């Protein structure tokens, strides 16, 4: 009879440990989902920024025909700088 009581205690302890582990995993999953939601929101904002910058780039290209070579080069450098920063943000979001 004592052997059965010990087995029941052992099973009970293992079940309690399993429940604690399950609760911890549930908390971790909730945190991961929250983080994923935040990352998706940030990605959406960055994509909107990209679209706005693309529109500005298109507008700048339309007006570029009126600029001299020096102004065009400066504008291209600024735009490339913006695009580089956006790409860095996207890389950080995807990592």
Protein backbone atom coordinates (compact mmCIF):
# COMPACT_ATOMS: atom_id res chain seq x y z
CA UNK A 1 0.00 0.00 0.00
CA UNK A 2 2.87 2.36 0.80
CA UNK A 3 4.30 1.69 -2.65
CA UNK A 4 1.05 2.83 -4.29
CA UNK A 5 0.98 5.97 -2.11
CA UNK A 6 4.55 6.80 -3.18
CA UNK A 7 3.66 6.30 -6.83
CA UNK A 8 0.61 8.55 -6.45
CA UNK A 9 2.77 11.23 -4.75
CA UNK A 10 5.35 10.91 -7.50
CA UNK A 11 2.72 11.23 -10.22
CA UNK A 12 1.14 14.18 -8.41
CA UNK A 13 4.49 15.95 -8.13
CA UNK A 14 5.26 15.33 -11.79
CA UNK A 15 1.81 16.59 -12.75
CA UNK A 16 2.31 19.76 -10.71
CA UNK A 17 5.69 20.33 -12.35
CA UNK A 18 4.10 19.77 -15.74
CA UNK A 19 1.34 22.27 -14.96
CA UNK A 20 3.87 24.87 -13.83
CA UNK A 21 5.87 24.29 -16.98
CA UNK A 22 2.70 24.63 -19.06
CA UNK A 23 1.81 27.92 -17.36
CA UNK A 24 5.31 29.25 -17.96
CA UNK A 25 5.14 28.29 -21.62
CA UNK A 26 1.76 29.99 -21.92
CA UNK A 27 3.26 33.18 -20.50
CA UNK A 28 6.19 32.97 -22.90
CA UNK A 29 3.84 32.40 -25.83
CA UNK A 30 1.77 35.42 -24.86
CA UNK A 31 4.93 37.54 -24.65
CA UNK A 32 6.10 36.29 -28.04
CA UNK A 33 2.72 37.03 -29.61
CA UNK A 34 2.76 40.53 -28.13
CA UNK A 35 6.26 41.11 -29.49
CA UNK A 36 5.25 39.79 -32.91
CA UNK A 37 2.27 42.15 -32.96
CA UNK A 38 4.54 45.07 -32.11
CA UNK A 39 7.03 44.05 -34.79
CA UNK A 40 4.22 43.76 -37.36
CA UNK A 41 2.98 47.22 -36.45
CA UNK A 42 6.48 48.63 -36.75
CA UNK A 43 6.92 46.90 -40.09
CA UNK A 44 3.63 48.36 -41.31
CA UNK A 45 4.77 51.84 -40.27
CA UNK A 46 8.10 51.36 -42.06
CA UNK A 47 6.33 50.17 -45.19
CA UNK A 48 4.15 53.27 -45.12
CA UNK A 49 7.28 55.38 -44.75
CA UNK A 50 8.82 53.61 -47.72
CA UNK A 51 5.75 54.34 -49.82
CA UNK A 52 5.81 58.02 -48.84
CA UNK A 53 9.51 58.27 -49.62
CA UNK A 54 8.96 56.50 -52.93
CA UNK A 55 6.33 59.08 -53.80
CA UNK A 56 8.74 61.86 -52.88
CA UNK A 57 11.42 60.18 -54.96
CA UNK A 58 9.10 60.00 -57.93
CA UNK A 59 8.22 63.66 -57.51
CA UNK A 60 11.88 64.55 -57.20
CA UNK A 61 12.69 62.60 -60.34
CA UNK A 62 10.03 64.53 -62.21
CA UNK A 63 11.60 67.79 -61.06
CA UNK A 64 15.13 66.51 -61.54
CA UNK A 65 15.11 67.50 -65.18
CA UNK A 66 15.05 71.13 -64.00
CA UNK A 67 18.07 70.69 -61.70
CA UNK A 68 21.71 71.01 -62.57
CA UNK A 69 24.09 68.07 -62.14
CA UNK A 70 25.31 69.12 -58.67
CA UNK A 71 21.81 69.46 -57.27
CA UNK A 72 20.83 66.10 -58.75
CA UNK A 73 23.85 64.43 -57.13
CA UNK A 74 23.04 65.92 -53.71
CA UNK A 75 19.41 64.86 -54.03
CA UNK A 76 20.42 61.34 -55.03
CA UNK A 77 22.75 61.08 -52.04
CA UNK A 78 20.00 62.20 -49.66
CA UNK A 79 17.52 59.76 -51.15
CA UNK A 80 20.05 56.92 -51.03
CA UNK A 81 20.71 57.78 -47.39
CA UNK A 82 17.00 57.55 -46.62
CA UNK A 83 16.70 54.24 -48.43
CA UNK A 84 19.73 52.89 -46.60
CA UNK A 85 18.20 53.80 -43.24
CA UNK A 86 14.93 52.15 -44.22
CA UNK A 87 16.72 49.00 -45.33
CA UNK A 88 18.56 48.88 -41.98
CA UNK A 89 15.25 49.14 -40.15
CA UNK A 90 13.79 46.34 -42.24
CA UNK A 91 16.80 44.12 -41.54
CA UNK A 92 16.40 44.78 -37.81
CA UNK A 93 12.72 43.97 -38.01
CA UNK A 94 13.36 40.71 -39.81
CA UNK A 95 16.01 39.54 -37.37
